[in-house]
Amino acid sequence: MPPRKTKTSLSKLTWAVILMVMIVPIIFASISPLLAWRDPIYIVAGFAGILAMSLLFIQPLAIGGDLPNLHPIQQRRLHRWGGSLLFVLIVLHVVGLWITSPPDMIDALLFSAPTLFSYFGVIAMWAIFAAVILAFLRKRLAPRNWRAIHFILVAIIITTSTLHAVMIEGTMEPITKVLLCVFVALMSVKVIGARLWK
């Protein structure tokens, strides 16, 4: 097989794997029998969280330059847009849960909830908000300092988000959920490790 065709085939396979990792957990969640007992707002809030988790998988790939057939500038732009979308999804997730159950959200925000996954979710939320604020302050900070703070926040977001998702027994199918979390963690470690060793 000619080199160009081989490269094209590998690119298509890579994209197929990326999309499968991101979409399959969403598909399984959409056919969960638990949805029959959920209010529409709760369902929207839940899927906002699921979409955010899937989006976390492509974020390190984009900033690491691992997305096939995309110029590095395009990948960095995708990473920035992905960060903005991630913020919107988290806001939808939190607001929706607040509307459906204010007492539970208050307990979670005050770290007095009986469920451990709530703590991880709140920590992830604040870390994401901090990352958004940091993005606006990028030009005011030295590149090295900005990168260090960003990596710390990313590590917190990935760790707490995956723990939050894995510990919840909800609409996400357990196996595909765990696989998504593993892929998110591995890609993030790969990119952060590569950047730190530069």
C-alpha atoms as a PDB file:
ATOM      1  CA  MET A   1       0.000   0.000   0.000  1.00  0.00           C
ATOM      2  CA  PRO A   2       1.451   3.443  -0.952  1.00  0.00           C
ATOM      3  CA  PRO A   3       2.572   5.637   1.975  1.00  0.00           C
ATOM      4  CA  ARG A   4      -0.118   8.269   1.326  1.00  0.00           C
ATOM      5  CA  LYS A   5      -2.918   5.687   1.374  1.00  0.00           C
ATOM      6  CA  THR A   6      -1.467   4.121   4.520  1.00  0.00           C
ATOM      7  CA  LYS A   7      -1.389   7.522   6.232  1.00  0.00           C
ATOM      8  CA  THR A   8      -4.977   8.234   5.157  1.00  0.00           C
ATOM      9  CA  SER A   9      -6.135   4.856   6.450  1.00  0.00           C
ATOM     10  CA  LEU A  10      -4.426   5.421   9.803  1.00  0.00           C
ATOM     11  CA  SER A  11      -5.975   8.887  10.060  1.00  0.00           C
ATOM     12  CA  LYS A  12      -9.457   7.502   9.424  1.00  0.00           C
ATOM     13  CA  LEU A  13      -8.885   4.724  11.952  1.00  0.00           C
ATOM     14  CA  THR A  14      -7.657   7.205  14.547  1.00  0.00           C
ATOM     15  CA  TRP A  15     -10.706   9.430  14.080  1.00  0.00           C
ATOM     16  CA  ALA A  16     -12.972   6.383  14.237  1.00  0.00           C
ATOM     17  CA  VAL A  17     -11.454   5.371  17.583  1.00  0.00           C
ATOM     18  CA  ILE A  18     -11.680   8.938  18.948  1.00  0.00           C
ATOM     19  CA  LEU A  19     -15.341   9.279  17.976  1.00  0.00           C
ATOM     20  CA  MET A  20     -16.146   5.813  19.297  1.00  0.00           C
ATOM     21  CA  VAL A  21     -14.596   6.581  22.694  1.00  0.00           C
ATOM     22  CA  MET A  22     -16.577   9.825  22.887  1.00  0.00           C
ATOM     23  CA  ILE A  23     -19.929   8.726  21.446  1.00  0.00           C
ATOM     24  CA  VAL A  24     -20.452   5.143  22.640  1.00  0.00           C
ATOM     25  CA  PRO A  25     -20.875   6.106  26.338  1.00  0.00           C
ATOM     26  CA  ILE A  26     -23.428   8.746  25.292  1.00  0.00           C
ATOM     27  CA  ILE A  27     -25.372   6.214  23.219  1.00  0.00           C
ATOM     28  CA  PHE A  28     -25.479   3.709  26.079  1.00  0.00           C
ATOM     29  CA  ALA A  29     -26.578   6.443  28.491  1.00  0.00           C
ATOM     30  CA  SER A  30     -29.373   7.491  26.119  1.00  0.00           C
ATOM     31  CA  ILE A  31     -30.929   3.997  26.269  1.00  0.00           C
ATOM     32  CA  SER A  32     -30.643   3.633  30.043  1.00  0.00           C
ATOM     33  CA  PRO A  33     -33.914   2.445  31.636  1.00  0.00           C
ATOM     34  CA  LEU A  34     -33.293   4.907  34.473  1.00  0.00           C
ATOM     35  CA  LEU A  35     -34.255   7.786  32.164  1.00  0.00           C
ATOM     36  CA  ALA A  36     -37.905   6.738  32.410  1.00  0.00           C
ATOM     37  CA  TRP A  37     -38.029   8.003  36.012  1.00  0.00           C
ATOM     38  CA  ARG A  38     -36.130  11.237  35.475  1.00  0.00           C
ATOM     39  CA  ASP A  39     -37.516  14.749  34.945  1.00  0.00           C
ATOM     40  CA  PRO A  40     -36.571  16.468  31.650  1.00  0.00           C
ATOM     41  CA  ILE A  41     -34.424  19.086  33.415  1.00  0.00           C
ATOM     42  CA  TYR A  42     -32.583  16.355  35.319  1.00  0.00           C
ATOM     43  CA  ILE A  43     -31.955  14.472  32.067  1.00  0.00           C
ATOM     44  CA  VAL A  44     -30.572  17.603  30.378  1.00  0.00           C
ATOM     45  CA  ALA A  45     -28.339  18.273  33.390  1.00  0.00           C
ATOM     46  CA  GLY A  46     -27.123  14.678  33.420  1.00  0.00           C
ATOM     47  CA  PHE A  47     -26.304  14.604  29.711  1.00  0.00           C
ATOM     48  CA  ALA A  48     -24.521  17.943  29.996  1.00  0.00           C
ATOM     49  CA  GLY A  49     -22.212  16.205  32.472  1.00  0.00           C
ATOM     50  CA  ILE A  50     -21.805  13.185  30.197  1.00  0.00           C
ATOM     51  CA  LEU A  51     -20.985  15.380  27.195  1.00  0.00           C
ATOM     52  CA  ALA A  52     -18.477  17.298  29.317  1.00  0.00           C
ATOM     53  CA  MET A  53     -16.776  14.033  30.256  1.00  0.00           C
ATOM     54  CA  SER A  54     -16.562  13.020  26.597  1.00  0.00           C
ATOM     55  CA  LEU A  55     -15.194  16.433  25.694  1.00  0.00           C
ATOM     56  CA  LEU A  56     -12.413  15.993  28.245  1.00  0.00           C
ATOM     57  CA  PHE A  57     -11.078  13.194  26.046  1.00  0.00           C
ATOM     58  CA  ILE A  58     -10.476  15.376  22.993  1.00  0.00           C
ATOM     59  CA  GLN A  59      -8.987  18.302  24.925  1.00  0.00           C
ATOM     60  CA  PRO A  60      -5.563  16.735  25.577  1.00  0.00           C
ATOM     61  CA  LEU A  61      -5.499  15.278  22.048  1.00  0.00           C
ATOM     62  CA  ALA A  62      -6.027  18.729  20.557  1.00  0.00           C
ATOM     63  CA  ILE A  63      -3.397  20.523  22.629  1.00  0.00           C
ATOM     64  CA  GLY A  64      -0.990  17.610  22.169  1.00  0.00           C
ATOM     65  CA  GLY A  65      -1.279  17.761  18.382  1.00  0.00           C
ATOM     66  CA  ASP A  66      -2.601  14.204  18.151  1.00  0.00           C
ATOM     67  CA  LEU A  67      -5.673  14.885  15.993  1.00  0.00           C
ATOM     68  CA  PRO A  68      -5.059  13.676  12.408  1.00  0.00           C
ATOM     69  CA  ASN A  69      -5.413  15.948   9.378  1.00  0.00           C
ATOM     70  CA  LEU A  70      -5.663  19.110  11.462  1.00  0.00           C
ATOM     71  CA  HIS A  71      -3.041  21.863  11.440  1.00  0.00           C
ATOM     72  CA  PRO A  72      -1.523  22.643  14.868  1.00  0.00           C
ATOM     73  CA  ILE A  73      -3.191  26.072  14.807  1.00  0.00           C
ATOM     74  CA  GLN A  74      -6.554  24.415  14.151  1.00  0.00           C
ATOM     75  CA  GLN A  75      -5.969  22.002  17.011  1.00  0.00           C
ATOM     76  CA  ARG A  76      -5.092  24.794  19.436  1.00  0.00           C
ATOM     77  CA  ARG A  77      -8.205  26.684  18.340  1.00  0.00           C
ATOM     78  CA  LEU A  78     -10.265  23.528  18.862  1.00  0.00           C
ATOM     79  CA  HIS A  79      -8.768  23.196  22.343  1.00  0.00           C
ATOM     80  CA  ARG A  80      -9.810  26.754  23.220  1.00  0.00           C
ATOM     81  CA  TRP A  81     -13.332  26.275  21.880  1.00  0.00           C
ATOM     82  CA  GLY A  82     -13.507  22.959  23.696  1.00  0.00           C
ATOM     83  CA  GLY A  83     -12.620  24.694  26.943  1.00  0.00           C
ATOM     84  CA  SER A  84     -15.394  27.235  26.405  1.00  0.00           C
ATOM     85  CA  LEU A  85     -17.922  24.501  25.612  1.00  0.00           C
ATOM     86  CA  LEU A  86     -16.782  22.545  28.654  1.00  0.00           C
ATOM     87  CA  PHE A  87     -17.520  25.576  30.832  1.00  0.00           C
ATOM     88  CA  VAL A  88     -21.024  25.928  29.318  1.00  0.00           C
ATOM     89  CA  LEU A  89     -21.777  22.231  29.827  1.00  0.00           C
ATOM     90  CA  ILE A  90     -20.686  22.337  33.468  1.00  0.00           C
ATOM     91  CA  VAL A  91     -22.883  25.388  34.087  1.00  0.00           C
ATOM     92  CA  LEU A  92     -25.849  23.545  32.515  1.00  0.00           C
ATOM     93  CA  HIS A  93     -25.048  20.487  34.614  1.00  0.00           C
ATOM     94  CA  VAL A  94     -24.906  22.425  37.885  1.00  0.00           C
ATOM     95  CA  VAL A  95     -27.882  24.716  37.167  1.00  0.00           C
ATOM     96  CA  GLY A  96     -30.043  21.772  36.092  1.00  0.00           C
ATOM     97  CA  LEU A  97     -29.220  19.814  39.236  1.00  0.00           C
ATOM     98  CA  TRP A  98     -29.844  22.923  41.329  1.00  0.00           C
ATOM     99  CA  ILE A  99     -33.311  23.346  39.807  1.00  0.00           C
ATOM    100  CA  THR A 100     -34.256  19.713  40.401  1.00  0.00           C
ATOM    101  CA  SER A 101     -32.837  19.464  43.924  1.00  0.00           C
ATOM    102  CA  PRO A 102     -31.562  22.667  45.613  1.00  0.00           C
ATOM    103  CA  PRO A 103     -30.924  21.025  49.032  1.00  0.00           C
ATOM    104  CA  ASP A 104     -28.652  18.388  47.486  1.00  0.00           C
ATOM    105  CA  MET A 105     -26.689  21.048  45.596  1.00  0.00           C
ATOM    106  CA  ILE A 106     -26.324  23.184  48.706  1.00  0.00           C
ATOM    107  CA  ASP A 107     -24.995  20.176  50.625  1.00  0.00           C
ATOM    108  CA  ALA A 108     -22.576  19.433  47.785  1.00  0.00           C
ATOM    109  CA  LEU A 109     -21.306  23.019  47.560  1.00  0.00           C
ATOM    110  CA  LEU A 110     -20.843  23.149  51.336  1.00  0.00           C
ATOM    111  CA  PHE A 111     -19.086  19.752  51.315  1.00  0.00           C
ATOM    112  CA  SER A 112     -21.671  18.321  53.669  1.00  0.00           C
ATOM    113  CA  ALA A 113     -23.263  15.822  51.267  1.00  0.00           C
ATOM    114  CA  PRO A 114     -23.326  12.147  52.319  1.00  0.00           C
ATOM    115  CA  THR A 115     -21.960  11.083  48.915  1.00  0.00           C
ATOM    116  CA  LEU A 116     -18.231  11.318  48.218  1.00  0.00           C
ATOM    117  CA  PHE A 117     -18.714  11.772  44.469  1.00  0.00           C
ATOM    118  CA  SER A 118     -20.402  15.127  45.185  1.00  0.00           C
ATOM    119  CA  TYR A 119     -17.168  16.464  46.670  1.00  0.00           C
ATOM    120  CA  PHE A 120     -15.169  15.472  43.593  1.00  0.00           C
ATOM    121  CA  GLY A 121     -17.781  17.055  41.332  1.00  0.00           C
ATOM    122  CA  VAL A 122     -17.648  20.371  43.171  1.00  0.00           C
ATOM    123  CA  ILE A 123     -13.839  20.417  43.162  1.00  0.00           C
ATOM    124  CA  ALA A 124     -13.847  19.701  39.420  1.00  0.00           C
ATOM    125  CA  MET A 125     -16.370  22.497  38.858  1.00  0.00           C
ATOM    126  CA  TRP A 126     -14.292  25.110  40.707  1.00  0.00           C
ATOM    127  CA  ALA A 127     -11.120  23.946  38.939  1.00  0.00           C
ATOM    128  CA  ILE A 128     -12.829  24.372  35.554  1.00  0.00           C
ATOM    129  CA  PHE A 129     -14.039  27.837  36.525  1.00  0.00           C
ATOM    130  CA  ALA A 130     -10.504  28.693  37.639  1.00  0.00           C
ATOM    131  CA  ALA A 131      -9.127  27.449  34.296  1.00  0.00           C
ATOM    132  CA  VAL A 132     -11.537  29.747  32.445  1.00  0.00           C
ATOM    133  CA  ILE A 133     -10.433  32.736  34.537  1.00  0.00           C
ATOM    134  CA  LEU A 134      -6.813  31.755  33.931  1.00  0.00           C
ATOM    135  CA  ALA A 135      -7.438  31.755  30.174  1.00  0.00           C
ATOM    136  CA  PHE A 136      -8.459  35.423  30.362  1.00  0.00           C
ATOM    137  CA  LEU A 137      -5.331  36.229  32.374  1.00  0.00           C
ATOM    138  CA  ARG A 138      -2.950  34.489  29.999  1.00  0.00           C
ATOM    139  CA  LYS A 139      -1.439  37.681  28.563  1.00  0.00           C
ATOM    140  CA  ARG A 140      -0.820  39.070  32.041  1.00  0.00           C
ATOM    141  CA  LEU A 141       1.213  36.082  33.245  1.00  0.00           C
ATOM    142  CA  ALA A 142       4.616  34.824  32.243  1.00  0.00           C
ATOM    143  CA  PRO A 143       4.196  31.861  29.862  1.00  0.00           C
ATOM    144  CA  ARG A 144       6.016  29.500  32.218  1.00  0.00           C
ATOM    145  CA  ASN A 145       3.855  30.482  35.202  1.00  0.00           C
ATOM    146  CA  TRP A 146       0.665  30.295  33.157  1.00  0.00           C
ATOM    147  CA  ARG A 147       1.568  26.825  31.878  1.00  0.00           C
ATOM    148  CA  ALA A 148       2.410  25.550  35.371  1.00  0.00           C
ATOM    149  CA  ILE A 149      -0.881  26.773  36.850  1.00  0.00           C
ATOM    150  CA  HIS A 150      -2.807  25.426  33.863  1.00  0.00           C
ATOM    151  CA  PHE A 151      -1.229  21.974  34.253  1.00  0.00           C
ATOM    152  CA  ILE A 152      -2.087  21.912  37.948  1.00  0.00           C
ATOM    153  CA  LEU A 153      -5.699  22.827  37.235  1.00  0.00           C
ATOM    154  CA  VAL A 154      -5.910  20.237  34.439  1.00  0.00           C
ATOM    155  CA  ALA A 155      -4.571  17.547  36.765  1.00  0.00           C
ATOM    156  CA  ILE A 156      -7.215  18.469  39.351  1.00  0.00           C
ATOM    157  CA  ILE A 157      -9.988  18.553  36.742  1.00  0.00           C
ATOM    158  CA  ILE A 158      -9.090  15.180  35.244  1.00  0.00           C
ATOM    159  CA  THR A 159      -8.618  13.448  38.603  1.00  0.00           C
ATOM    160  CA  THR A 160     -11.774  14.747  40.244  1.00  0.00           C
ATOM    161  CA  SER A 161     -13.943  14.482  37.108  1.00  0.00           C
ATOM    162  CA  THR A 162     -13.054  10.838  36.514  1.00  0.00           C
ATOM    163  CA  LEU A 163     -13.590   9.963  40.177  1.00  0.00           C
ATOM    164  CA  HIS A 164     -16.904  11.844  40.134  1.00  0.00           C
ATOM    165  CA  ALA A 165     -18.094   9.965  37.038  1.00  0.00           C
ATOM    166  CA  VAL A 166     -16.904   6.515  38.095  1.00  0.00           C
ATOM    167  CA  MET A 167     -18.452   6.724  41.559  1.00  0.00           C
ATOM    168  CA  ILE A 168     -21.914   7.784  40.353  1.00  0.00           C
ATOM    169  CA  GLU A 169     -24.340   4.941  39.737  1.00  0.00           C
ATOM    170  CA  GLY A 170     -26.592   6.579  37.185  1.00  0.00           C
ATOM    171  CA  THR A 171     -27.542   6.552  33.528  1.00  0.00           C
ATOM    172  CA  MET A 172     -24.027   5.919  32.216  1.00  0.00           C
ATOM    173  CA  GLU A 173     -23.309   2.282  31.446  1.00  0.00           C
ATOM    174  CA  PRO A 174     -20.520   1.132  33.833  1.00  0.00           C
ATOM    175  CA  ILE A 175     -18.058  -0.447  31.365  1.00  0.00           C
ATOM    176  CA  THR A 176     -18.143   2.303  28.708  1.00  0.00           C
ATOM    177  CA  LYS A 177     -18.012   4.918  31.466  1.00  0.00           C
ATOM    178  CA  VAL A 178     -14.891   3.423  33.013  1.00  0.00           C
ATOM    179  CA  LEU A 179     -13.242   3.035  29.601  1.00  0.00           C
ATOM    180  CA  LEU A 180     -13.942   6.687  28.788  1.00  0.00           C
ATOM    181  CA  CYS A 181     -12.467   7.772  32.119  1.00  0.00           C
ATOM    182  CA  VAL A 182      -9.387   5.606  31.543  1.00  0.00           C
ATOM    183  CA  PHE A 183      -8.841   7.086  28.070  1.00  0.00           C
ATOM    184  CA  VAL A 184      -9.279  10.618  29.426  1.00  0.00           C
ATOM    185  CA  ALA A 185      -6.754   9.966  32.184  1.00  0.00           C
ATOM    186  CA  LEU A 186      -4.202   8.263  29.915  1.00  0.00           C
ATOM    187  CA  MET A 187      -4.285  10.953  27.227  1.00  0.00           C
ATOM    188  CA  SER A 188      -4.019  13.700  29.820  1.00  0.00           C
ATOM    189  CA  VAL A 189      -1.045  12.057  31.531  1.00  0.00           C
ATOM    190  CA  LYS A 190       0.614  11.547  28.147  1.00  0.00           C
ATOM    191  CA  VAL A 191       0.268  15.182  27.129  1.00  0.00           C
ATOM    192  CA  ILE A 192       1.168  16.669  30.516  1.00  0.00           C
ATOM    193  CA  GLY A 193       4.150  14.326  30.797  1.00  0.00           C
ATOM    194  CA  ALA A 194       5.381  15.249  27.317  1.00  0.00           C
ATOM    195  CA  ARG A 195       5.074  18.959  28.059  1.00  0.00           C
ATOM    196  CA  LEU A 196       6.821  18.719  31.431  1.00  0.00           C
ATOM    197  CA  TRP A 197       9.783  16.867  29.967  1.00  0.00           C
ATOM    198  CA  LYS A 198      10.351  19.402  27.171  1.00  0.00           C
END
